[in-house]
Amino acid sequence: MPPAAATYAIDRDVADRWHIRRYGFHGTSHQYVSERAAAFLGRPLDGLNQIVLHLGNGASASAIARGRPVETSMGLTPLEGLVMGTRSGDLDPGVISYLWRTARMGVEDIESMLNHRSGMLGLAGERDFRRLRLVIETGDRSAQLAYEVFIHRLRKYLGAYLAVLGHTDVVSFTAGIGENDAAVRRDALAGLQGLGIALDQDRNLGPGHGARRISSDDSPIAVLVVPTNEELAIARDCLRVLGGRRA
């Protein structure tokens, strides 16, 4: 990523000494999906600006300009960014010192809470979106709020990445939630026609296997569902490193 996107605005000596910067995660998935999206559209990877939304129990977003990542939501650890199944995502760092001083929570307890007892689980008691839907249908307000927080954070990152790229050609949804939850895709993109995103509701709701388009034919920005395959991407990288030799 560009230095401006990878750098935390903290004491430079501390950051350099301890190698503190934004690294990002799910890179294999983002690479695979961006390459697959380019192939699906019949366009070269280096001719597209893309946003990839990897939405599973762990979730991350990336902005990819002409095949190169220029932004991603995860940082030094997978804790930064989107709201996830059990992780909080973005958080005011002051919360940590506040809990330490006021609630007398230790660093390990706080870290465990933020990674394992936060996110959708912390807000609604459910980390699985399928079960969360059932709870929402009972009128549970905590579950409804958890869903709204998830969508709000996702839309905030999507809007930011549209600005970072300046011009966007394609938005791709992937991973368990991204590939299978039509309501998440609908709500994430609602009202974005003015930004060039027009979802086709029938395509979004329709069944499909493999990469598929869910935007309208006249949408300036193509919206795709692209199943990820991290194992295949890793195997391809291994072959590239080995110069095409097979084991």
Protein backbone atom coordinates (compact mmCIF):
# COMPACT_ATOMS: atom_id res chain seq x y z
CA MET A 1 0.00 0.00 0.00
CA PRO A 2 1.09 3.61 -0.40
CA PRO A 3 2.88 5.00 2.67
CA ALA A 4 0.03 7.41 3.37
CA ALA A 5 -2.37 4.47 3.70
CA ALA A 6 -0.01 2.20 5.63
CA THR A 7 1.25 4.72 8.21
CA TYR A 8 -0.24 5.28 11.66
CA ALA A 9 0.05 8.85 12.94
CA ILE A 10 1.97 7.93 16.11
CA ASP A 11 5.49 8.69 17.35
CA ARG A 12 7.71 7.83 14.40
CA ASP A 13 10.56 6.43 16.51
CA VAL A 14 8.19 4.07 18.32
CA ALA A 15 6.56 2.98 15.06
CA ASP A 16 9.92 2.34 13.37
CA ARG A 17 11.40 0.48 16.33
CA TRP A 18 8.45 -1.87 16.74
CA HIS A 19 7.45 -2.09 13.05
CA ILE A 20 4.01 -0.64 13.69
CA ARG A 21 2.13 0.02 10.46
CA ARG A 22 -0.98 -1.11 8.63
CA TYR A 23 -0.38 -4.47 6.99
CA GLY A 24 -3.90 -5.70 6.27
CA PHE A 25 -5.20 -9.27 6.10
CA HIS A 26 -7.25 -11.46 3.74
CA GLY A 27 -4.83 -10.40 1.01
CA THR A 28 -5.02 -13.75 -0.75
CA SER A 29 -8.80 -13.47 -1.01
CA HIS A 30 -8.72 -9.86 -2.20
CA GLN A 31 -6.14 -10.75 -4.85
CA TYR A 32 -8.08 -13.78 -6.08
CA VAL A 33 -11.41 -11.94 -6.24
CA SER A 34 -9.98 -8.90 -8.03
CA GLU A 35 -8.33 -11.15 -10.63
CA ARG A 36 -11.51 -13.21 -11.04
CA ALA A 37 -13.62 -10.05 -11.41
CA ALA A 38 -11.34 -8.76 -14.15
CA ALA A 39 -11.57 -12.09 -15.98
CA PHE A 40 -15.37 -12.12 -15.62
CA LEU A 41 -15.61 -8.63 -17.12
CA GLY A 42 -13.13 -9.48 -19.86
CA ARG A 43 -10.86 -6.61 -18.93
CA PRO A 44 -7.20 -6.47 -17.87
CA LEU A 45 -6.56 -6.31 -14.14
CA ASP A 46 -4.31 -3.28 -14.57
CA GLY A 47 -7.12 -1.43 -16.33
CA LEU A 48 -9.62 -1.59 -13.46
CA ASN A 49 -10.22 0.18 -10.16
CA GLN A 50 -11.94 -2.20 -7.78
CA ILE A 51 -13.43 -2.42 -4.31
CA VAL A 52 -13.54 -5.91 -2.79
CA LEU A 53 -15.74 -6.61 0.24
CA HIS A 54 -14.71 -9.83 2.00
CA LEU A 55 -17.61 -10.41 4.38
CA GLY A 56 -17.44 -13.48 6.58
CA ASN A 57 -17.01 -14.06 10.31
CA GLY A 58 -13.85 -12.05 9.70
CA ALA A 59 -14.51 -9.12 7.38
CA SER A 60 -12.35 -6.68 5.45
CA ALA A 61 -12.55 -4.25 2.56
CA SER A 62 -9.93 -3.24 0.04
CA ALA A 63 -9.47 -0.62 -2.66
CA ILE A 64 -7.43 -1.87 -5.60
CA ALA A 65 -6.20 0.54 -8.26
CA ARG A 66 -5.04 -1.07 -11.50
CA GLY A 67 -4.19 -4.32 -9.73
CA ARG A 68 -2.37 -2.73 -6.77
CA PRO A 69 -3.87 -2.34 -3.27
CA VAL A 70 -4.14 1.29 -2.18
CA GLU A 71 -6.28 0.83 0.94
CA THR A 72 -7.53 -1.93 3.21
CA SER A 73 -9.62 -1.94 6.36
CA MET A 74 -7.52 -4.20 8.59
CA GLY A 75 -4.31 -2.83 10.05
CA LEU A 76 -1.47 -4.03 12.25
CA THR A 77 -3.87 -6.76 13.42
CA PRO A 78 -7.18 -8.12 12.08
CA LEU A 79 -8.99 -6.12 14.77
CA GLU A 80 -9.19 -2.86 12.79
CA GLY A 81 -11.90 -2.01 10.30
CA LEU A 82 -15.34 -3.51 9.72
CA VAL A 83 -17.60 -4.93 12.42
CA MET A 84 -17.10 -8.71 12.45
CA GLY A 85 -18.54 -11.82 14.04
CA THR A 86 -16.62 -11.44 17.30
CA ARG A 87 -14.26 -8.49 16.65
CA SER A 88 -15.14 -4.86 17.26
CA GLY A 89 -13.48 -3.36 14.22
CA ASP A 90 -12.59 0.35 14.45
CA LEU A 91 -12.49 1.63 18.02
CA ASP A 92 -11.38 4.80 19.78
CA PRO A 93 -7.99 3.77 21.29
CA GLY A 94 -8.97 5.72 24.39
CA VAL A 95 -11.50 2.99 25.22
CA ILE A 96 -8.61 0.66 26.09
CA SER A 97 -6.99 2.98 28.63
CA TYR A 98 -10.45 3.92 29.95
CA LEU A 99 -11.27 0.27 30.67
CA TRP A 100 -7.85 -0.24 32.24
CA ARG A 101 -8.21 2.72 34.59
CA THR A 102 -11.94 2.65 35.31
CA ALA A 103 -13.00 -0.99 35.03
CA ARG A 104 -9.61 -2.33 36.20
CA MET A 105 -9.49 -4.68 33.24
CA GLY A 106 -6.07 -6.04 32.33
CA VAL A 107 -4.58 -5.76 28.85
CA GLU A 108 -5.17 -9.46 28.14
CA ASP A 109 -8.80 -9.22 29.26
CA ILE A 110 -9.41 -6.18 27.06
CA GLU A 111 -7.71 -7.84 24.09
CA SER A 112 -9.78 -10.99 24.59
CA MET A 113 -12.99 -8.98 24.78
CA LEU A 114 -12.25 -6.98 21.63
CA ASN A 115 -11.30 -10.07 19.63
CA HIS A 116 -13.64 -12.73 20.98
CA ARG A 117 -16.61 -11.08 22.74
CA SER A 118 -17.31 -8.04 20.58
CA GLY A 119 -18.72 -7.45 17.11
CA MET A 120 -22.04 -9.11 16.36
CA LEU A 121 -21.61 -11.54 19.25
CA GLY A 122 -21.05 -8.72 21.71
CA LEU A 123 -23.96 -6.65 20.45
CA ALA A 124 -26.56 -9.35 19.84
CA GLY A 125 -25.26 -12.61 21.31
CA GLU A 126 -25.03 -14.12 17.81
CA ARG A 127 -22.04 -14.30 15.47
CA ASP A 128 -23.83 -16.27 12.73
CA PHE A 129 -25.83 -14.06 10.35
CA ARG A 130 -28.35 -16.81 9.63
CA ARG A 131 -29.24 -17.10 13.30
CA LEU A 132 -29.12 -13.32 13.67
CA ARG A 133 -31.84 -13.04 11.00
CA LEU A 134 -34.09 -15.36 12.99
CA VAL A 135 -33.56 -13.33 16.14
CA ILE A 136 -34.31 -10.07 14.29
CA GLU A 137 -37.59 -11.57 13.06
CA THR A 138 -38.68 -12.02 16.69
CA GLY A 139 -38.42 -8.26 17.17
CA ASP A 140 -35.20 -8.33 19.18
CA ARG A 141 -33.94 -4.73 19.24
CA SER A 142 -30.35 -5.66 20.12
CA ALA A 143 -30.11 -7.92 17.09
CA GLN A 144 -31.59 -5.21 14.85
CA LEU A 145 -29.12 -2.65 16.20
CA ALA A 146 -26.22 -5.05 15.64
CA TYR A 147 -27.24 -5.44 12.00
CA GLU A 148 -27.58 -1.69 11.55
CA VAL A 149 -24.13 -1.08 13.09
CA PHE A 150 -22.64 -3.68 10.72
CA ILE A 151 -24.24 -2.07 7.66
CA HIS A 152 -23.37 1.47 8.75
CA ARG A 153 -19.68 0.62 9.11
CA LEU A 154 -19.67 -1.23 5.79
CA ARG A 155 -21.26 1.71 3.96
CA LYS A 156 -18.81 4.13 5.56
CA TYR A 157 -15.85 2.15 4.22
CA LEU A 158 -17.47 1.73 0.82
CA GLY A 159 -17.98 5.48 0.52
CA ALA A 160 -14.42 6.18 1.66
CA TYR A 161 -12.97 3.80 -0.91
CA LEU A 162 -15.04 5.31 -3.71
CA ALA A 163 -13.38 8.60 -2.77
CA VAL A 164 -9.89 7.08 -2.49
CA LEU A 165 -10.13 5.55 -5.97
CA GLY A 166 -11.75 8.58 -7.57
CA HIS A 167 -13.12 6.39 -10.35
CA THR A 168 -14.39 2.89 -9.57
CA ASP A 169 -15.20 0.21 -12.14
CA VAL A 170 -16.39 -2.70 -10.01
CA VAL A 171 -17.47 -3.62 -6.49
CA SER A 172 -17.28 -7.31 -5.59
CA PHE A 173 -18.86 -9.14 -2.65
CA THR A 174 -17.21 -12.34 -1.43
CA ALA A 175 -16.93 -14.81 1.49
CA GLY A 176 -19.81 -16.38 3.42
CA ILE A 177 -21.96 -13.31 4.05
CA GLY A 178 -20.94 -11.45 0.92
CA GLU A 179 -21.73 -14.40 -1.34
CA ASN A 180 -24.93 -15.61 0.32
CA ASP A 181 -26.74 -12.74 2.05
CA ALA A 182 -28.70 -10.74 -0.52
CA ALA A 183 -30.12 -8.42 2.15
CA VAL A 184 -26.64 -7.33 3.24
CA ARG A 185 -25.73 -6.55 -0.36
CA ARG A 186 -29.00 -4.65 -0.86
CA ASP A 187 -28.66 -2.60 2.32
CA ALA A 188 -24.96 -1.89 1.77
CA LEU A 189 -25.68 -0.39 -1.66
CA ALA A 190 -29.04 1.26 -0.97
CA GLY A 191 -29.38 4.79 -2.34
CA LEU A 192 -26.01 4.85 -4.09
CA GLN A 193 -27.33 5.42 -7.62
CA GLY A 194 -25.96 8.95 -7.49
CA LEU A 195 -22.49 7.48 -6.97
CA GLY A 196 -22.84 5.15 -9.95
CA ILE A 197 -24.10 1.97 -8.28
CA ALA A 198 -27.45 0.57 -9.45
CA LEU A 199 -28.35 -2.82 -8.02
CA ASP A 200 -30.67 -5.12 -9.97
CA GLN A 201 -32.93 -6.52 -7.25
CA ASP A 202 -33.93 -9.63 -9.21
CA ARG A 203 -30.31 -10.52 -9.95
CA ASN A 204 -29.37 -9.87 -6.35
CA LEU A 205 -32.08 -12.20 -5.06
CA GLY A 206 -31.64 -14.84 -7.73
CA PRO A 207 -29.65 -18.02 -7.18
CA GLY A 208 -26.26 -18.29 -8.74
CA HIS A 209 -23.06 -20.25 -8.79
CA GLY A 210 -19.69 -18.84 -9.63
CA ALA A 211 -19.04 -15.20 -10.42
CA ARG A 212 -22.15 -13.25 -11.41
CA ARG A 213 -23.30 -9.69 -11.98
CA ILE A 214 -25.99 -8.29 -9.69
CA SER A 215 -25.99 -4.68 -10.92
CA SER A 216 -28.24 -3.39 -13.68
CA ASP A 217 -26.90 -3.39 -17.22
CA ASP A 218 -26.68 0.41 -17.22
CA SER A 219 -24.96 0.72 -13.83
CA PRO A 220 -21.73 2.75 -14.32
CA ILE A 221 -20.10 0.62 -11.62
CA ALA A 222 -20.46 -3.13 -12.03
CA VAL A 223 -21.45 -5.03 -8.89
CA LEU A 224 -20.44 -8.68 -8.73
CA VAL A 225 -20.69 -11.64 -6.42
CA VAL A 226 -17.42 -13.57 -6.70
CA PRO A 227 -16.85 -16.73 -4.64
CA THR A 228 -13.40 -16.63 -3.11
CA ASN A 229 -10.91 -19.50 -3.31
CA GLU A 230 -7.93 -18.74 -1.12
CA GLU A 231 -6.50 -22.25 -1.44
CA LEU A 232 -6.36 -21.96 -5.22
CA ALA A 233 -4.79 -18.50 -4.97
CA ILE A 234 -2.09 -19.84 -2.63
CA ALA A 235 -1.41 -22.75 -4.98
CA ARG A 236 -1.04 -20.36 -7.92
CA ASP A 237 1.37 -18.18 -5.95
CA CYS A 238 3.43 -21.25 -5.09
CA LEU A 239 3.63 -22.16 -8.76
CA ARG A 240 4.74 -18.64 -9.63
CA VAL A 241 7.47 -18.77 -6.99
CA LEU A 242 8.60 -22.16 -8.29
CA GLY A 243 8.70 -20.86 -11.84
CA GLY A 244 5.85 -23.04 -13.01
CA ARG A 245 7.40 -26.29 -11.80
CA ARG A 246 5.02 -28.88 -10.39
CA ALA A 247 5.84 -30.90 -7.30
